[in-house]
């Protein structure tokens, strides 16, 4: 919570946490990454008097408050360490959770994001457009799969997840600079609309209905050969698209899709059978990270997973 206002001394009571969480959920849905929120945790010293105002929002939005007593002693990294431990515990205990959103601009979370990538997870970094928000570390944004700045309308404004823009991707620093008053004048400069960051996502098409294993494989093959999923893989060049991304796209495109319904214990087996006659390859990018890459972008550093034989021993959430 403190990071959302630029650090521990900030006025965290000004952060409208319910609106912020709704904005994150909408950004995830619009990006085709998922539709259900598994858990939301907010880290702060909830014993501070001003934090009591959050009681209603925490209950209404199912947010779990995590108490950080060390903030009374001004120990900066107490919440960071607690958050890192919790994230890795969730990634281990709940492998079906594939997307993690870290609401912070702190560059200290870069190693955590890299570890989540090692576990084949998709990571989003989010911040707010509040004037007091801290600067989002440039390396943190570049390492994350996506960065979103969630607009907060203020206490008196009506909050609507439909009317609220899902994302504006710019640095917190640039927005703060736009709001600073011009020297020698009392009037403020008009707020300049931020330039959105381009994010490659798969727009969910109309759901394809299938009723047999062969139809499942044909539908998967078609999404790569003639659909947005194949174009997204090509746009990813040598990085292609990781299995967590591919799995979510398939669920959003094929009605009732799951690896079990398709007749396989692992998502990678579905892809191996479906893509065997196409120009798309299932490759190991290293550290057991699997991705789908177009044949034109496969290089000598990659290990192509063979299309026959036993299933690959990678089960770190990629098949969820």
Protein backbone atom coordinates (compact mmCIF):
# COMPACT_ATOMS: atom_id res chain seq x y z
CA UNK A 1 0.00 0.00 0.00
CA UNK A 2 2.80 2.43 0.84
CA UNK A 3 4.36 1.98 -2.61
CA UNK A 4 1.16 3.23 -4.22
CA UNK A 5 1.81 6.68 -2.71
CA UNK A 6 5.57 6.82 -3.15
CA UNK A 7 6.82 5.23 0.07
CA UNK A 8 6.14 4.71 3.77
CA UNK A 9 5.66 8.40 4.69
CA UNK A 10 3.04 8.86 1.97
CA UNK A 11 -0.64 9.44 2.66
CA UNK A 12 -1.82 5.94 1.82
CA UNK A 13 -5.32 6.77 3.02
CA UNK A 14 -5.82 8.59 -0.30
CA UNK A 15 -5.55 5.38 -2.35
CA UNK A 16 -8.97 4.06 -3.37
CA UNK A 17 -8.05 0.40 -3.15
CA UNK A 18 -11.40 -0.97 -4.35
CA UNK A 19 -11.32 1.05 -7.55
CA UNK A 20 -7.67 0.10 -8.05
CA UNK A 21 -8.43 -3.62 -7.74
CA UNK A 22 -11.37 -3.34 -10.16
CA UNK A 23 -9.12 -1.57 -12.65
CA UNK A 24 -6.55 -4.37 -12.45
CA UNK A 25 -9.22 -7.04 -12.90
CA UNK A 26 -10.62 -5.24 -15.93
CA UNK A 27 -7.15 -4.88 -17.49
CA UNK A 28 -6.58 -8.62 -17.09
CA UNK A 29 -9.96 -9.48 -18.63
CA UNK A 30 -9.57 -7.07 -21.55
CA UNK A 31 -6.11 -8.47 -22.26
CA UNK A 32 -7.54 -11.98 -22.49
CA UNK A 33 -5.33 -13.24 -19.67
CA UNK A 34 -8.06 -14.52 -17.38
CA UNK A 35 -11.46 -13.83 -15.84
CA UNK A 36 -11.33 -14.95 -12.20
CA UNK A 37 -9.33 -13.47 -9.32
CA UNK A 38 -7.89 -16.12 -7.04
CA UNK A 39 -6.75 -13.81 -4.23
CA UNK A 40 -5.91 -10.19 -3.45
CA UNK A 41 -3.57 -9.19 -0.62
CA UNK A 42 -2.68 -5.70 0.57
CA UNK A 43 0.43 -5.16 2.71
CA UNK A 44 0.48 -2.30 5.23
CA UNK A 45 0.48 -1.37 8.90
CA UNK A 46 -3.28 -1.65 9.28
CA UNK A 47 -3.02 -0.49 12.89
CA UNK A 48 -2.52 3.11 11.79
CA UNK A 49 -5.70 5.14 12.56
CA UNK A 50 -6.17 6.38 8.98
CA UNK A 51 -6.10 2.81 7.66
CA UNK A 52 -9.34 1.97 9.46
CA UNK A 53 -11.19 3.77 6.68
CA UNK A 54 -10.37 0.82 4.42
CA UNK A 55 -12.39 -1.72 6.44
CA UNK A 56 -15.47 -1.49 4.20
CA UNK A 57 -13.47 -1.69 0.94
CA UNK A 58 -11.46 -4.67 2.15
CA UNK A 59 -14.62 -6.60 2.99
CA UNK A 60 -16.51 -5.55 -0.15
CA UNK A 61 -13.75 -6.59 -2.55
CA UNK A 62 -12.45 -9.66 -0.74
CA UNK A 63 -9.04 -8.09 -0.08
CA UNK A 64 -6.94 -9.84 2.54
CA UNK A 65 -5.03 -7.32 4.70
CA UNK A 66 -1.50 -8.45 5.62
CA UNK A 67 -0.23 -6.74 8.76
CA UNK A 68 3.32 -5.35 8.61
CA UNK A 69 4.30 -4.29 12.11
CA UNK A 70 7.82 -3.28 11.09
CA UNK A 71 6.60 -0.11 9.38
CA UNK A 72 6.41 1.55 12.82
CA UNK A 73 10.21 1.22 12.91
CA UNK A 74 10.50 2.56 9.35
CA UNK A 75 12.05 -0.66 8.06
CA UNK A 76 11.62 -0.16 4.32
CA UNK A 77 11.78 -3.71 3.01
CA UNK A 78 9.51 -5.45 5.52
CA UNK A 79 6.47 -5.55 3.20
CA UNK A 80 8.63 -6.39 0.16
CA UNK A 81 10.05 -9.48 1.85
CA UNK A 82 6.61 -10.58 3.09
CA UNK A 83 5.15 -10.16 -0.40
CA UNK A 84 7.96 -12.13 -2.07
CA UNK A 85 7.57 -15.01 0.37
CA UNK A 86 3.79 -15.07 -0.15
CA UNK A 87 4.05 -14.96 -3.96
CA UNK A 88 6.48 -17.87 -4.12
CA UNK A 89 4.34 -19.85 -1.66
CA UNK A 90 1.23 -19.30 -3.81
CA UNK A 91 3.13 -20.20 -6.99
CA UNK A 92 4.22 -23.46 -5.35
CA UNK A 93 0.99 -24.38 -3.54
CA UNK A 94 -1.44 -23.25 -6.27
CA UNK A 95 0.19 -24.04 -9.63
CA UNK A 96 -3.09 -23.37 -11.45
CA UNK A 97 -2.66 -19.63 -10.73
CA UNK A 98 -0.88 -18.39 -13.84
CA UNK A 99 -1.04 -14.58 -13.69
CA UNK A 100 0.46 -12.46 -10.89
CA UNK A 101 -0.06 -8.69 -10.55
CA UNK A 102 2.40 -6.73 -8.41
CA UNK A 103 1.15 -3.27 -7.45
CA UNK A 104 4.41 -1.44 -6.86
CA UNK A 105 7.04 0.59 -8.64
CA UNK A 106 9.94 -0.78 -6.60
CA UNK A 107 12.84 -2.17 -8.64
CA UNK A 108 13.57 -4.61 -5.81
CA UNK A 109 10.86 -6.88 -7.23
CA UNK A 110 12.81 -7.58 -10.44
CA UNK A 111 14.36 -10.83 -9.07
CA UNK A 112 10.89 -11.99 -8.00
CA UNK A 113 9.51 -11.43 -11.51
CA UNK A 114 12.41 -13.33 -13.04
CA UNK A 115 11.76 -16.23 -10.67
CA UNK A 116 8.06 -16.23 -11.61
CA UNK A 117 9.07 -16.34 -15.28
CA UNK A 118 11.26 -19.32 -14.44
CA UNK A 119 8.09 -20.95 -13.07
CA UNK A 120 6.31 -20.12 -16.37
CA UNK A 121 4.05 -17.47 -14.83
CA UNK A 122 2.77 -14.27 -16.47
CA UNK A 123 3.58 -11.12 -14.46
CA UNK A 124 1.94 -7.70 -14.62
CA UNK A 125 3.17 -4.58 -12.80
CA UNK A 126 0.52 -1.99 -11.90
CA UNK A 127 0.59 1.49 -10.39
CA UNK A 128 -1.84 4.38 -10.04
CA UNK A 129 -2.12 7.81 -11.63
CA UNK A 130 -2.23 9.54 -8.23
CA UNK A 131 -0.09 12.71 -8.03
CA UNK A 132 1.76 11.36 -5.00
CA UNK A 133 2.57 8.00 -6.57
CA UNK A 134 6.23 7.09 -6.77
CA UNK A 135 8.25 6.65 -9.94
CA UNK A 136 7.99 3.16 -11.42
CA UNK A 137 11.44 1.63 -11.87
CA UNK A 138 12.28 1.35 -15.59
CA UNK A 139 13.86 -2.11 -15.25
CA UNK A 140 10.79 -3.35 -13.35
CA UNK A 141 8.55 -2.31 -16.26
CA UNK A 142 10.81 -3.83 -18.88
CA UNK A 143 11.12 -7.18 -17.08
CA UNK A 144 7.35 -7.51 -16.49
CA UNK A 145 5.20 -9.01 -19.25
CA UNK A 146 2.93 -5.96 -19.05
CA UNK A 147 2.77 -2.64 -17.20
CA UNK A 148 -0.50 -0.82 -16.50
CA UNK A 149 -1.23 2.50 -14.85
CA UNK A 150 -4.69 2.23 -13.32
CA UNK A 151 -6.63 5.52 -13.31
CA UNK A 152 -8.17 6.50 -9.96
CA UNK A 153 -11.08 8.92 -10.32
CA UNK A 154 -11.18 10.27 -6.77
CA UNK A 155 -13.53 9.99 -3.77
CA UNK A 156 -16.47 11.94 -5.18
CA UNK A 157 -16.56 10.38 -8.64
CA UNK A 158 -18.82 7.49 -9.55
CA UNK A 159 -16.82 4.32 -10.03
CA UNK A 160 -17.75 2.11 -12.95
CA UNK A 161 -15.54 -0.69 -14.28
CA UNK A 162 -17.18 -0.27 -17.68
CA UNK A 163 -16.57 3.47 -17.97
CA UNK A 164 -13.07 3.32 -16.52
CA UNK A 165 -10.32 2.91 -19.12
CA UNK A 166 -8.60 -0.42 -18.52
CA UNK A 167 -5.02 0.74 -18.88
CA UNK A 168 -2.85 3.74 -19.56
CA UNK A 169 0.72 2.64 -19.87
CA UNK A 170 3.15 5.41 -19.07
CA UNK A 171 5.51 6.18 -16.25
CA UNK A 172 4.21 7.67 -13.03
CA UNK A 173 6.97 10.26 -13.38
CA UNK A 174 5.65 11.59 -16.69
CA UNK A 175 2.13 12.04 -15.34
CA UNK A 176 3.34 13.83 -12.21
CA UNK A 177 5.44 16.17 -14.34
CA UNK A 178 2.39 17.06 -16.40
CA UNK A 179 0.53 18.10 -13.24
CA UNK A 180 3.25 20.39 -11.82
CA UNK A 181 2.39 24.14 -11.95
CA UNK A 182 4.24 26.25 -14.48
CA UNK A 183 6.98 28.39 -12.93
CA UNK A 184 5.92 31.98 -12.28
CA UNK A 185 2.22 31.18 -12.63
CA UNK A 186 -0.40 29.95 -10.19
CA UNK A 187 -2.36 28.02 -12.79
CA UNK A 188 -1.50 24.41 -13.49
CA UNK A 189 -0.72 23.01 -16.88
CA UNK A 190 -3.48 20.89 -18.39
CA UNK A 191 -2.94 17.19 -17.84
CA UNK A 192 -1.64 15.64 -21.04
CA UNK A 193 -3.16 12.29 -21.94
CA UNK A 194 -0.45 9.64 -21.59
CA UNK A 195 0.71 7.72 -24.64
CA UNK A 196 -0.39 4.08 -24.26
CA UNK A 197 2.22 1.34 -24.39
CA UNK A 198 1.65 -1.27 -27.06
CA UNK A 199 0.96 -4.66 -25.55
CA UNK A 200 0.59 -7.78 -27.70
CA UNK A 201 -2.47 -9.63 -26.50
CA UNK A 202 -4.88 -12.04 -28.11
CA UNK A 203 -8.34 -10.58 -28.58
CA UNK A 204 -10.76 -13.35 -27.65
CA UNK A 205 -12.82 -14.34 -30.71
CA UNK A 206 -16.21 -15.97 -30.67
CA UNK A 207 -16.00 -19.25 -28.78
CA UNK A 208 -15.48 -22.32 -30.94
CA UNK A 209 -17.62 -25.30 -29.95
CA UNK A 210 -16.09 -28.76 -30.12
CA UNK A 211 -17.26 -32.21 -29.02
CA UNK A 212 -14.40 -34.63 -29.70
CA UNK A 213 -10.63 -34.94 -29.38
CA UNK A 214 -10.10 -34.50 -33.11
CA UNK A 215 -12.23 -31.35 -33.10
CA UNK A 216 -10.24 -29.99 -30.15
CA UNK A 217 -6.97 -30.52 -32.03
CA UNK A 218 -8.39 -29.01 -35.22
CA UNK A 219 -9.63 -25.96 -33.32
CA UNK A 220 -6.23 -25.46 -31.66
CA UNK A 221 -4.50 -25.87 -35.01
CA UNK A 222 -6.81 -23.32 -36.61
CA UNK A 223 -6.14 -20.69 -33.92
CA UNK A 224 -2.45 -20.87 -34.79
CA UNK A 225 -2.69 -21.28 -38.56
CA UNK A 226 -5.41 -18.72 -39.26
CA UNK A 227 -6.04 -16.87 -35.99
CA UNK A 228 -4.75 -14.13 -33.71
CA UNK A 229 -2.89 -16.65 -31.55
CA UNK A 230 -0.57 -17.57 -34.41
CA UNK A 231 0.00 -13.90 -35.23
CA UNK A 232 0.86 -13.19 -31.59
CA UNK A 233 3.42 -16.00 -31.62
CA UNK A 234 4.99 -14.63 -34.80
CA UNK A 235 5.10 -11.13 -33.28
CA UNK A 236 6.99 -12.60 -30.32
CA UNK A 237 9.74 -13.73 -32.70
CA UNK A 238 12.35 -15.90 -30.92
CA UNK A 239 10.50 -15.62 -27.60
CA UNK A 240 7.19 -16.71 -29.10
CA UNK A 241 4.45 -17.09 -26.48
CA UNK A 242 4.82 -18.99 -23.22
CA UNK A 243 2.44 -21.80 -22.36
CA UNK A 244 0.64 -19.75 -19.71
CA UNK A 245 -0.31 -17.22 -22.40
CA UNK A 246 -1.25 -19.93 -24.92
CA UNK A 247 -3.36 -21.84 -22.39
CA UNK A 248 -5.34 -18.73 -21.45
CA UNK A 249 -5.89 -17.86 -25.12
CA UNK A 250 -7.21 -21.36 -25.83
CA UNK A 251 -9.62 -21.19 -22.89
CA UNK A 252 -10.92 -17.85 -24.17
CA UNK A 253 -11.32 -19.14 -27.73
CA UNK A 254 -12.61 -22.73 -27.37
CA UNK A 255 -15.74 -23.32 -25.34
CA UNK A 256 -15.03 -25.46 -22.26
CA UNK A 257 -11.40 -25.98 -23.24
CA UNK A 258 -9.11 -27.83 -20.86
CA UNK A 259 -6.27 -30.26 -21.43
CA UNK A 260 -8.38 -33.02 -19.85
CA UNK A 261 -11.35 -32.34 -22.14
CA UNK A 262 -8.96 -32.49 -25.09
CA UNK A 263 -7.85 -35.93 -23.88
CA UNK A 264 -4.34 -35.15 -22.59
CA UNK A 265 -2.73 -34.83 -19.13
CA UNK A 266 -0.55 -31.87 -20.16
CA UNK A 267 -1.12 -28.77 -22.26
CA UNK A 268 2.20 -29.35 -24.05
CA UNK A 269 0.88 -32.70 -25.32
CA UNK A 270 -2.20 -30.99 -26.76
CA UNK A 271 0.09 -28.59 -28.62
CA UNK A 272 2.47 -31.31 -29.80
CA UNK A 273 -0.39 -33.27 -31.37
CA UNK A 274 -2.16 -30.21 -32.78
CA UNK A 275 0.86 -28.39 -34.22
CA UNK A 276 2.83 -31.32 -35.60
CA UNK A 277 1.94 -30.53 -39.23
CA UNK A 278 2.16 -26.73 -38.90
CA UNK A 279 5.01 -24.19 -38.88
CA UNK A 280 4.76 -23.75 -35.10
CA UNK A 281 7.13 -25.52 -32.70
CA UNK A 282 7.05 -26.20 -28.98
CA UNK A 283 10.49 -25.25 -27.68
CA UNK A 284 12.36 -25.14 -24.39
CA UNK A 285 13.80 -21.63 -23.98
CA UNK A 286 15.99 -22.73 -21.08
CA UNK A 287 15.37 -23.26 -17.38
CA UNK A 288 12.43 -25.52 -18.38
CA UNK A 289 10.44 -22.58 -19.77
CA UNK A 290 8.26 -23.84 -22.63
CA UNK A 291 6.93 -21.62 -25.40
CA UNK A 292 5.42 -21.88 -28.87
CA UNK A 293 7.71 -20.32 -31.53
CA UNK A 294 7.24 -20.06 -35.28
CA UNK A 295 9.66 -22.24 -37.25
CA UNK A 296 11.21 -19.15 -38.90
CA UNK A 297 12.35 -17.92 -35.48
CA UNK A 298 13.69 -21.17 -34.03
CA UNK A 299 17.46 -20.92 -33.52
CA UNK A 300 20.30 -23.10 -32.28
CA UNK A 301 19.93 -21.97 -28.67
CA UNK A 302 16.48 -23.57 -28.42
CA UNK A 303 15.57 -27.17 -27.76
CA UNK A 304 12.62 -28.25 -29.87
CA UNK A 305 10.38 -30.63 -27.94
CA UNK A 306 9.95 -33.81 -30.01
CA UNK A 307 6.47 -34.54 -31.24
CA UNK A 308 6.65 -38.23 -30.33
CA UNK A 309 7.60 -40.19 -27.24
CA UNK A 310 6.86 -39.54 -23.60
CA UNK A 311 5.45 -36.23 -22.43
CA UNK A 312 7.97 -33.56 -21.34
CA UNK A 313 8.63 -33.50 -17.58
CA UNK A 314 7.64 -29.83 -17.22
CA UNK A 315 4.55 -29.48 -15.03
CA UNK A 316 5.17 -26.14 -13.33
CA UNK A 317 1.73 -24.69 -13.97
CA UNK A 318 2.09 -24.64 -17.75
CA UNK A 319 -0.65 -27.23 -18.12
CA UNK A 320 -3.21 -25.39 -16.00
